[in-house]
Amino acid sequence: MKGILGRKAGMTQVFTIEGELIPVTVVEVKPNVVLQKKTKENDGYEALQLGYEDVKESRSSKPAIGHAKKANTAPKKYIREIQADELMSAEVGSEIKADIFAAGDVVDVTGTSKGKGYNGTIVRNNGTIGPKSHGSGHHRHIGSLATNGRNNGVINKGTVMAGQEGVYTTTNMNLTVVKADAEEGYILIKGNVPGPRKGLVMIHTTVKPVKKVAAAELISYKGISVEEELNKVSETINEELAKESAEKEAVEEAKKKAKSAAAKKEKN
């Protein structure tokens, strides 16, 4: 397993050379610094402590500054542990970049969902409103909280009520990496990831059995004119059409041979 920290930048779309549109989330991934290595001998488990985004020493505490100096780096805003057995060869102070992942890797992305403030039970729990007329006086209220049986008068734990909505730690699983660029510092992930824009996310190898799928070849406009890319796409389409026509011709020839063979047998 391997992992890295980044910030959700937003969503966009890319195209494959076959013309397929892929919706992707752009995750800004600056180099992560290894602040500490946890080992079985000292800590009972193996993990890497990664730091992300520098903080001024004037805005940091002395323990944080001292901890960062052990790795010859500045204090970090975010510090997270990742049980990354594939990255245990990295030394303290080294940088981990976006190229630890490649197109086709299947990952899980963990983040904090968008906070929505204090909401009533209708919005927060998808409740049903009461009658809208005839003076019921019950439109968007929570409804009866009474319980039946031996514990009558006691509100059971877990009863849906009004309260704060959002700000949950959630994980979207089985997402595919479409592209990873260490130079530009970003990773494109197919689909959506939890959290608002600029929210911190953790990308790590999926816990599901399938760890890698076939990578899609994207259209690249870097250093190539649009006409050249369109020609490349048209060539691919023409090759597919030629292949389909060749298969059809082969099927028709096989049918003709079968008919001629059957006609010869009838004459004999």
C-alpha atoms as a PDB file:
ATOM      1  CA  MET A   1       0.000   0.000   0.000  1.00  0.00           C
ATOM      2  CA  LYS A   2       1.102   3.556  -0.736  1.00  0.00           C
ATOM      3  CA  GLY A   3      -0.424   6.972  -0.209  1.00  0.00           C
ATOM      4  CA  ILE A   4      -0.022  10.731  -0.469  1.00  0.00           C
ATOM      5  CA  LEU A   5      -1.717  13.929   0.718  1.00  0.00           C
ATOM      6  CA  GLY A   6      -3.191  16.595  -1.555  1.00  0.00           C
ATOM      7  CA  ARG A   7      -5.851  19.250  -1.944  1.00  0.00           C
ATOM      8  CA  LYS A   8      -9.017  18.921  -4.006  1.00  0.00           C
ATOM      9  CA  ALA A   9      -8.890  21.582  -6.721  1.00  0.00           C
ATOM     10  CA  GLY A  10     -12.165  20.884  -8.521  1.00  0.00           C
ATOM     11  CA  MET A  11     -13.601  18.834 -11.366  1.00  0.00           C
ATOM     12  CA  THR A  12     -13.097  18.870 -15.124  1.00  0.00           C
ATOM     13  CA  GLN A  13     -13.221  16.435 -18.024  1.00  0.00           C
ATOM     14  CA  VAL A  14     -10.707  14.793 -20.319  1.00  0.00           C
ATOM     15  CA  PHE A  15     -11.044  12.828 -23.549  1.00  0.00           C
ATOM     16  CA  THR A  16      -9.477   9.583 -24.707  1.00  0.00           C
ATOM     17  CA  ILE A  17      -8.205   9.050 -28.225  1.00  0.00           C
ATOM     18  CA  GLU A  18     -11.320   6.928 -28.845  1.00  0.00           C
ATOM     19  CA  GLY A  19     -13.465   9.986 -28.100  1.00  0.00           C
ATOM     20  CA  GLU A  20     -14.705   8.883 -24.675  1.00  0.00           C
ATOM     21  CA  LEU A  21     -15.360  11.657 -22.143  1.00  0.00           C
ATOM     22  CA  ILE A  22     -14.072  10.988 -18.613  1.00  0.00           C
ATOM     23  CA  PRO A  23     -15.173  13.229 -15.701  1.00  0.00           C
ATOM     24  CA  VAL A  24     -12.211  13.679 -13.356  1.00  0.00           C
ATOM     25  CA  THR A  25     -11.384  15.375 -10.074  1.00  0.00           C
ATOM     26  CA  VAL A  26      -8.159  17.377 -10.047  1.00  0.00           C
ATOM     27  CA  VAL A  27      -6.144  16.875  -6.854  1.00  0.00           C
ATOM     28  CA  GLU A  28      -3.246  19.260  -6.318  1.00  0.00           C
ATOM     29  CA  VAL A  29      -0.362  17.203  -4.945  1.00  0.00           C
ATOM     30  CA  LYS A  30       2.687  19.101  -3.739  1.00  0.00           C
ATOM     31  CA  PRO A  31       5.681  17.067  -2.520  1.00  0.00           C
ATOM     32  CA  ASN A  32       5.009  15.314   0.802  1.00  0.00           C
ATOM     33  CA  VAL A  33       7.922  15.230   3.247  1.00  0.00           C
ATOM     34  CA  VAL A  34       8.581  12.131   5.364  1.00  0.00           C
ATOM     35  CA  LEU A  35       8.742  13.477   8.928  1.00  0.00           C
ATOM     36  CA  GLN A  36       9.004  10.155  10.757  1.00  0.00           C
ATOM     37  CA  LYS A  37       9.149   6.408  10.127  1.00  0.00           C
ATOM     38  CA  LYS A  38       7.249   4.082  12.458  1.00  0.00           C
ATOM     39  CA  THR A  39       8.783   0.605  12.731  1.00  0.00           C
ATOM     40  CA  LYS A  40       7.686  -2.630  14.347  1.00  0.00           C
ATOM     41  CA  GLU A  41      10.731  -2.598  16.636  1.00  0.00           C
ATOM     42  CA  ASN A  42       9.994   0.844  18.109  1.00  0.00           C
ATOM     43  CA  ASP A  43       6.272   1.367  17.579  1.00  0.00           C
ATOM     44  CA  GLY A  44       4.786  -2.070  16.915  1.00  0.00           C
ATOM     45  CA  TYR A  45       3.691  -1.254  13.370  1.00  0.00           C
ATOM     46  CA  GLU A  46       5.048   0.158  10.138  1.00  0.00           C
ATOM     47  CA  ALA A  47       3.911   3.551   8.863  1.00  0.00           C
ATOM     48  CA  LEU A  48       5.141   6.829   7.438  1.00  0.00           C
ATOM     49  CA  GLN A  49       4.339  10.211   8.915  1.00  0.00           C
ATOM     50  CA  LEU A  50       3.873  12.654   6.049  1.00  0.00           C
ATOM     51  CA  GLY A  51       3.859  16.445   6.259  1.00  0.00           C
ATOM     52  CA  TYR A  52       2.078  18.665   3.763  1.00  0.00           C
ATOM     53  CA  GLU A  53       2.287  22.447   3.199  1.00  0.00           C
ATOM     54  CA  ASP A  54       4.842  24.621   4.990  1.00  0.00           C
ATOM     55  CA  VAL A  55       3.965  26.885   7.916  1.00  0.00           C
ATOM     56  CA  LYS A  56       5.959  29.901   9.107  1.00  0.00           C
ATOM     57  CA  GLU A  57       7.938  29.232  12.282  1.00  0.00           C
ATOM     58  CA  SER A  58       6.329  32.319  13.834  1.00  0.00           C
ATOM     59  CA  ARG A  59       2.954  30.578  13.487  1.00  0.00           C
ATOM     60  CA  SER A  60       4.130  27.211  14.751  1.00  0.00           C
ATOM     61  CA  SER A  61       4.985  25.773  18.163  1.00  0.00           C
ATOM     62  CA  LYS A  62       8.453  24.855  19.397  1.00  0.00           C
ATOM     63  CA  PRO A  63       7.706  21.086  19.495  1.00  0.00           C
ATOM     64  CA  ALA A  64       6.468  21.232  15.878  1.00  0.00           C
ATOM     65  CA  ILE A  65       9.558  23.163  14.794  1.00  0.00           C
ATOM     66  CA  GLY A  66      11.864  20.681  16.521  1.00  0.00           C
ATOM     67  CA  HIS A  67      10.028  17.721  15.033  1.00  0.00           C
ATOM     68  CA  ALA A  68      10.342  19.195  11.527  1.00  0.00           C
ATOM     69  CA  LYS A  69      14.049  19.986  11.964  1.00  0.00           C
ATOM     70  CA  LYS A  70      14.761  16.271  12.413  1.00  0.00           C
ATOM     71  CA  ALA A  71      13.697  15.932   8.772  1.00  0.00           C
ATOM     72  CA  ASN A  72      15.498  19.152   7.706  1.00  0.00           C
ATOM     73  CA  THR A  73      12.267  20.820   6.668  1.00  0.00           C
ATOM     74  CA  ALA A  74       9.890  23.574   7.733  1.00  0.00           C
ATOM     75  CA  PRO A  75       6.934  22.935  10.081  1.00  0.00           C
ATOM     76  CA  LYS A  76       3.941  21.481   8.288  1.00  0.00           C
ATOM     77  CA  LYS A  77       0.296  22.463   8.350  1.00  0.00           C
ATOM     78  CA  TYR A  78      -0.994  18.911   7.931  1.00  0.00           C
ATOM     79  CA  ILE A  79       0.613  15.791   9.381  1.00  0.00           C
ATOM     80  CA  ARG A  80      -0.876  12.379   8.685  1.00  0.00           C
ATOM     81  CA  GLU A  81       0.237   8.766   9.110  1.00  0.00           C
ATOM     82  CA  ILE A  82      -0.092   6.300   6.251  1.00  0.00           C
ATOM     83  CA  GLN A  83       0.555   2.576   6.573  1.00  0.00           C
ATOM     84  CA  ALA A  84       2.506   2.473   3.327  1.00  0.00           C
ATOM     85  CA  ASP A  85       4.513  -0.736   3.217  1.00  0.00           C
ATOM     86  CA  GLU A  86       5.565   0.032  -0.377  1.00  0.00           C
ATOM     87  CA  LEU A  87       7.165   3.319   0.713  1.00  0.00           C
ATOM     88  CA  MET A  88       9.091   2.104   3.765  1.00  0.00           C
ATOM     89  CA  SER A  89      12.339   2.430   1.802  1.00  0.00           C
ATOM     90  CA  ALA A  90      11.932   6.229   1.887  1.00  0.00           C
ATOM     91  CA  GLU A  91      14.189   7.979   4.380  1.00  0.00           C
ATOM     92  CA  VAL A  92      13.243  10.720   6.834  1.00  0.00           C
ATOM     93  CA  GLY A  93      13.396  14.068   5.034  1.00  0.00           C
ATOM     94  CA  SER A  94      12.813  12.625   1.567  1.00  0.00           C
ATOM     95  CA  GLU A  95       9.972  13.808  -0.653  1.00  0.00           C
ATOM     96  CA  ILE A  96       7.106  11.751  -2.002  1.00  0.00           C
ATOM     97  CA  LYS A  97       5.568  13.087  -5.204  1.00  0.00           C
ATOM     98  CA  ALA A  98       2.533  12.391  -7.367  1.00  0.00           C
ATOM     99  CA  ASP A  99       4.413   9.912  -9.554  1.00  0.00           C
ATOM    100  CA  ILE A 100       4.086   7.175  -6.903  1.00  0.00           C
ATOM    101  CA  PHE A 101       0.760   6.588  -8.670  1.00  0.00           C
ATOM    102  CA  ALA A 102       0.305   5.910 -12.367  1.00  0.00           C
ATOM    103  CA  ALA A 103      -2.606   5.850 -14.770  1.00  0.00           C
ATOM    104  CA  GLY A 104      -4.731   2.772 -14.148  1.00  0.00           C
ATOM    105  CA  ASP A 105      -4.052   2.498 -10.402  1.00  0.00           C
ATOM    106  CA  VAL A 106      -7.173   1.925  -8.295  1.00  0.00           C
ATOM    107  CA  VAL A 107      -7.259   4.081  -5.161  1.00  0.00           C
ATOM    108  CA  ASP A 108      -9.407   5.035  -2.190  1.00  0.00           C
ATOM    109  CA  VAL A 109      -9.693   8.748  -1.390  1.00  0.00           C
ATOM    110  CA  THR A 110     -10.430   9.920   2.150  1.00  0.00           C
ATOM    111  CA  GLY A 111     -11.561  13.443   2.953  1.00  0.00           C
ATOM    112  CA  THR A 112     -13.869  15.540   5.104  1.00  0.00           C
ATOM    113  CA  SER A 113     -17.294  16.115   3.618  1.00  0.00           C
ATOM    114  CA  LYS A 114     -18.570  19.641   3.138  1.00  0.00           C
ATOM    115  CA  GLY A 115     -20.076  21.226   6.246  1.00  0.00           C
ATOM    116  CA  LYS A 116     -23.681  22.436   5.860  1.00  0.00           C
ATOM    117  CA  GLY A 117     -24.329  23.959   9.278  1.00  0.00           C
ATOM    118  CA  TYR A 118     -27.311  23.370  11.561  1.00  0.00           C
ATOM    119  CA  ASN A 119     -30.281  21.842   9.759  1.00  0.00           C
ATOM    120  CA  GLY A 120     -33.699  20.631  10.778  1.00  0.00           C
ATOM    121  CA  THR A 121     -34.832  17.037  10.618  1.00  0.00           C
ATOM    122  CA  ILE A 122     -36.575  17.526   7.257  1.00  0.00           C
ATOM    123  CA  VAL A 123     -33.345  18.539   5.515  1.00  0.00           C
ATOM    124  CA  ARG A 124     -30.860  16.568   7.606  1.00  0.00           C
ATOM    125  CA  ASN A 125     -32.719  13.244   7.645  1.00  0.00           C
ATOM    126  CA  ASN A 126     -34.853  13.534   4.502  1.00  0.00           C
ATOM    127  CA  GLY A 127     -38.007  13.680   6.611  1.00  0.00           C
ATOM    128  CA  THR A 128     -41.575  14.069   5.398  1.00  0.00           C
ATOM    129  CA  ILE A 129     -43.436  17.307   6.053  1.00  0.00           C
ATOM    130  CA  GLY A 130     -46.864  17.361   7.659  1.00  0.00           C
ATOM    131  CA  PRO A 131     -50.192  18.570   6.234  1.00  0.00           C
ATOM    132  CA  LYS A 132     -49.922  21.990   4.630  1.00  0.00           C
ATOM    133  CA  SER A 133     -53.423  23.182   5.472  1.00  0.00           C
ATOM    134  CA  HIS A 134     -56.408  22.891   7.842  1.00  0.00           C
ATOM    135  CA  GLY A 135     -54.482  24.366  10.743  1.00  0.00           C
ATOM    136  CA  SER A 136     -52.485  21.253  11.573  1.00  0.00           C
ATOM    137  CA  GLY A 137     -49.659  23.328  13.007  1.00  0.00           C
ATOM    138  CA  HIS A 138     -47.265  20.524  12.054  1.00  0.00           C
ATOM    139  CA  HIS A 139     -45.397  21.324   8.873  1.00  0.00           C
ATOM    140  CA  ARG A 140     -41.645  20.857   9.334  1.00  0.00           C
ATOM    141  CA  HIS A 141     -41.514  19.629  12.925  1.00  0.00           C
ATOM    142  CA  ILE A 142     -39.623  16.553  14.084  1.00  0.00           C
ATOM    143  CA  GLY A 143     -42.781  14.622  14.988  1.00  0.00           C
ATOM    144  CA  SER A 144     -43.408  12.256  17.890  1.00  0.00           C
ATOM    145  CA  LEU A 145     -40.408  11.078  19.919  1.00  0.00           C
ATOM    146  CA  ALA A 146     -42.380   8.832  22.251  1.00  0.00           C
ATOM    147  CA  THR A 147     -41.368   5.192  22.491  1.00  0.00           C
ATOM    148  CA  ASN A 148     -43.621   2.228  23.131  1.00  0.00           C
ATOM    149  CA  GLY A 149     -42.984  -0.631  25.503  1.00  0.00           C
ATOM    150  CA  ARG A 150     -41.079  -0.883  28.768  1.00  0.00           C
ATOM    151  CA  ASN A 151     -38.916   2.204  28.190  1.00  0.00           C
ATOM    152  CA  ASN A 152     -41.844   4.531  27.506  1.00  0.00           C
ATOM    153  CA  GLY A 153     -40.847   8.157  27.915  1.00  0.00           C
ATOM    154  CA  VAL A 154     -37.182   7.515  27.082  1.00  0.00           C
ATOM    155  CA  ILE A 155     -35.771   8.805  23.793  1.00  0.00           C
ATOM    156  CA  ASN A 156     -33.789   5.994  22.208  1.00  0.00           C
ATOM    157  CA  LYS A 157     -30.194   6.573  21.209  1.00  0.00           C
ATOM    158  CA  GLY A 158     -29.839   7.257  17.491  1.00  0.00           C
ATOM    159  CA  THR A 159     -33.225   8.933  17.054  1.00  0.00           C
ATOM    160  CA  VAL A 160     -33.044  11.287  14.086  1.00  0.00           C
ATOM    161  CA  MET A 161     -33.191  14.924  15.130  1.00  0.00           C
ATOM    162  CA  ALA A 162     -32.051  18.342  14.016  1.00  0.00           C
ATOM    163  CA  GLY A 163     -28.335  19.066  14.287  1.00  0.00           C
ATOM    164  CA  GLN A 164     -25.082  19.766  12.483  1.00  0.00           C
ATOM    165  CA  GLU A 165     -24.890  18.268   9.001  1.00  0.00           C
ATOM    166  CA  GLY A 166     -21.710  17.408   7.147  1.00  0.00           C
ATOM    167  CA  VAL A 167     -18.057  17.522   8.268  1.00  0.00           C
ATOM    168  CA  TYR A 168     -17.844  13.731   8.256  1.00  0.00           C
ATOM    169  CA  THR A 169     -14.701  11.790   7.404  1.00  0.00           C
ATOM    170  CA  THR A 170     -15.724   9.784   4.368  1.00  0.00           C
ATOM    171  CA  THR A 171     -13.915   7.546   1.885  1.00  0.00           C
ATOM    172  CA  ASN A 172     -14.781   7.057  -1.773  1.00  0.00           C
ATOM    173  CA  MET A 173     -13.507   3.647  -2.830  1.00  0.00           C
ATOM    174  CA  ASN A 174     -12.514   2.012  -6.111  1.00  0.00           C
ATOM    175  CA  LEU A 175     -11.579   5.198  -7.963  1.00  0.00           C
ATOM    176  CA  THR A 176      -9.234   5.048 -10.952  1.00  0.00           C
ATOM    177  CA  VAL A 177      -6.224   7.289 -11.481  1.00  0.00           C
ATOM    178  CA  VAL A 178      -6.483   8.733 -14.992  1.00  0.00           C
ATOM    179  CA  LYS A 179      -3.227  10.692 -14.952  1.00  0.00           C
ATOM    180  CA  ALA A 180      -0.459  11.579 -12.489  1.00  0.00           C
ATOM    181  CA  ASP A 181       1.983  14.418 -13.206  1.00  0.00           C
ATOM    182  CA  ALA A 182       4.800  15.004 -10.703  1.00  0.00           C
ATOM    183  CA  GLU A 183       6.230  18.006 -12.563  1.00  0.00           C
ATOM    184  CA  GLU A 184       2.973  19.954 -12.574  1.00  0.00           C
ATOM    185  CA  GLY A 185       1.972  18.479  -9.211  1.00  0.00           C
ATOM    186  CA  TYR A 186      -1.485  17.024  -9.786  1.00  0.00           C
ATOM    187  CA  ILE A 187      -3.382  13.741 -10.024  1.00  0.00           C
ATOM    188  CA  LEU A 188      -6.533  13.229 -12.099  1.00  0.00           C
ATOM    189  CA  ILE A 189      -8.975  10.784 -10.514  1.00  0.00           C
ATOM    190  CA  LYS A 190     -12.034   9.469 -12.329  1.00  0.00           C
ATOM    191  CA  GLY A 191     -15.252  10.453 -10.577  1.00  0.00           C
ATOM    192  CA  ASN A 192     -15.778  12.544  -7.461  1.00  0.00           C
ATOM    193  CA  VAL A 193     -13.860  12.655  -4.189  1.00  0.00           C
ATOM    194  CA  PRO A 194     -15.202  13.805  -0.790  1.00  0.00           C
ATOM    195  CA  GLY A 195     -14.906  17.338   0.486  1.00  0.00           C
ATOM    196  CA  PRO A 196     -15.174  20.908  -0.815  1.00  0.00           C
ATOM    197  CA  ARG A 197     -12.681  22.661  -3.051  1.00  0.00           C
ATOM    198  CA  LYS A 198      -9.286  23.190  -1.418  1.00  0.00           C
ATOM    199  CA  GLY A 199     -10.160  20.483   1.110  1.00  0.00           C
ATOM    200  CA  LEU A 200      -7.406  18.122   2.256  1.00  0.00           C
ATOM    201  CA  VAL A 201      -7.648  14.572   0.885  1.00  0.00           C
ATOM    202  CA  MET A 202      -5.604  11.430   1.352  1.00  0.00           C
ATOM    203  CA  ILE A 203      -5.071   9.187  -1.664  1.00  0.00           C
ATOM    204  CA  HIS A 204      -4.020   5.615  -0.917  1.00  0.00           C
ATOM    205  CA  THR A 205      -4.065   2.223  -2.590  1.00  0.00           C
ATOM    206  CA  THR A 206      -7.495   0.635  -2.474  1.00  0.00           C
ATOM    207  CA  VAL A 207      -8.269  -2.105   0.030  1.00  0.00           C
ATOM    208  CA  LYS A 208     -10.296  -3.913  -2.646  1.00  0.00           C
ATOM    209  CA  PRO A 209      -8.769  -6.917  -4.466  1.00  0.00           C
ATOM    210  CA  VAL A 210      -8.333  -5.191  -7.854  1.00  0.00           C
ATOM    211  CA  LYS A 211      -5.384  -2.798  -7.547  1.00  0.00           C
ATOM    212  CA  LYS A 212      -4.900  -1.847 -11.215  1.00  0.00           C
ATOM    213  CA  VAL A 213      -6.936  -1.618 -14.404  1.00  0.00           C
ATOM    214  CA  ALA A 214      -6.118  -0.820 -18.021  1.00  0.00           C
ATOM    215  CA  ALA A 215      -5.048   2.800 -18.431  1.00  0.00           C
ATOM    216  CA  ALA A 216      -6.890   4.992 -20.925  1.00  0.00           C
ATOM    217  CA  GLU A 217      -4.803   6.923 -23.464  1.00  0.00           C
ATOM    218  CA  LEU A 218      -5.748  10.588 -23.273  1.00  0.00           C
ATOM    219  CA  ILE A 219      -5.672  13.270 -25.926  1.00  0.00           C
ATOM    220  CA  SER A 220      -2.741  15.572 -25.185  1.00  0.00           C
ATOM    221  CA  TYR A 221      -2.597  19.118 -26.531  1.00  0.00           C
ATOM    222  CA  LYS A 222       0.868  19.838 -25.149  1.00  0.00           C
ATOM    223  CA  GLY A 223       3.245  20.683 -28.016  1.00  0.00           C
ATOM    224  CA  ILE A 224       0.799  19.322 -30.605  1.00  0.00           C
ATOM    225  CA  SER A 225      -1.628  21.247 -32.756  1.00  0.00           C
ATOM    226  CA  VAL A 226      -5.328  20.514 -32.603  1.00  0.00           C
ATOM    227  CA  GLU A 227      -5.261  19.402 -36.249  1.00  0.00           C
ATOM    228  CA  GLU A 228      -2.648  16.731 -35.491  1.00  0.00           C
ATOM    229  CA  GLU A 229      -4.721  15.444 -32.579  1.00  0.00           C
ATOM    230  CA  LEU A 230      -7.864  15.344 -34.716  1.00  0.00           C
ATOM    231  CA  ASN A 231      -5.953  13.484 -37.426  1.00  0.00           C
ATOM    232  CA  LYS A 232      -4.787  10.997 -34.803  1.00  0.00           C
ATOM    233  CA  VAL A 233      -8.360  10.464 -33.643  1.00  0.00           C
ATOM    234  CA  SER A 234      -9.630  10.092 -37.219  1.00  0.00           C
ATOM    235  CA  GLU A 235      -6.904   7.528 -37.960  1.00  0.00           C
ATOM    236  CA  THR A 236      -7.978   5.502 -34.940  1.00  0.00           C
ATOM    237  CA  ILE A 237     -11.630   5.655 -36.036  1.00  0.00           C
ATOM    238  CA  ASN A 238     -10.729   4.687 -39.615  1.00  0.00           C
ATOM    239  CA  GLU A 239      -8.745   1.698 -38.348  1.00  0.00           C
ATOM    240  CA  GLU A 240     -11.728   0.533 -36.302  1.00  0.00           C
ATOM    241  CA  LEU A 241     -14.090   0.981 -39.264  1.00  0.00           C
ATOM    242  CA  ALA A 242     -11.698  -0.901 -41.561  1.00  0.00           C
ATOM    243  CA  LYS A 243     -11.487  -3.719 -39.050  1.00  0.00           C
ATOM    244  CA  GLU A 244     -15.282  -3.930 -38.810  1.00  0.00           C
ATOM    245  CA  SER A 245     -15.686  -3.953 -42.619  1.00  0.00           C
ATOM    246  CA  ALA A 246     -13.024  -6.674 -42.949  1.00  0.00           C
ATOM    247  CA  GLU A 247     -14.875  -8.814 -40.415  1.00  0.00           C
ATOM    248  CA  LYS A 248     -18.147  -8.312 -42.282  1.00  0.00           C
ATOM    249  CA  GLU A 249     -16.516  -9.254 -45.591  1.00  0.00           C
ATOM    250  CA  ALA A 250     -15.058 -12.401 -44.008  1.00  0.00           C
ATOM    251  CA  VAL A 251     -18.508 -13.387 -42.726  1.00  0.00           C
ATOM    252  CA  GLU A 252     -20.088 -12.797 -46.158  1.00  0.00           C
ATOM    253  CA  GLU A 253     -17.383 -14.842 -47.910  1.00  0.00           C
ATOM    254  CA  ALA A 254     -17.922 -17.683 -45.446  1.00  0.00           C
ATOM    255  CA  LYS A 255     -21.668 -17.596 -46.177  1.00  0.00           C
ATOM    256  CA  LYS A 256     -21.035 -17.666 -49.956  1.00  0.00           C
ATOM    257  CA  LYS A 257     -18.683 -20.658 -49.607  1.00  0.00           C
ATOM    258  CA  ALA A 258     -21.242 -22.461 -47.486  1.00  0.00           C
ATOM    259  CA  LYS A 259     -23.978 -21.813 -50.077  1.00  0.00           C
ATOM    260  CA  SER A 260     -21.784 -22.991 -52.968  1.00  0.00           C
ATOM    261  CA  ALA A 261     -20.817 -26.129 -51.052  1.00  0.00           C
ATOM    262  CA  ALA A 262     -24.484 -26.871 -50.345  1.00  0.00           C
ATOM    263  CA  ALA A 263     -25.389 -26.327 -54.027  1.00  0.00           C
ATOM    264  CA  LYS A 264     -22.667 -28.768 -55.147  1.00  0.00           C
ATOM    265  CA  LYS A 265     -23.951 -31.413 -52.783  1.00  0.00           C
ATOM    266  CA  GLU A 266     -27.519 -31.032 -54.165  1.00  0.00           C
ATOM    267  CA  LYS A 267     -26.267 -31.463 -57.766  1.00  0.00           C
ATOM    268  CA  ASN A 268     -24.298 -34.570 -56.849  1.00  0.00           C
END
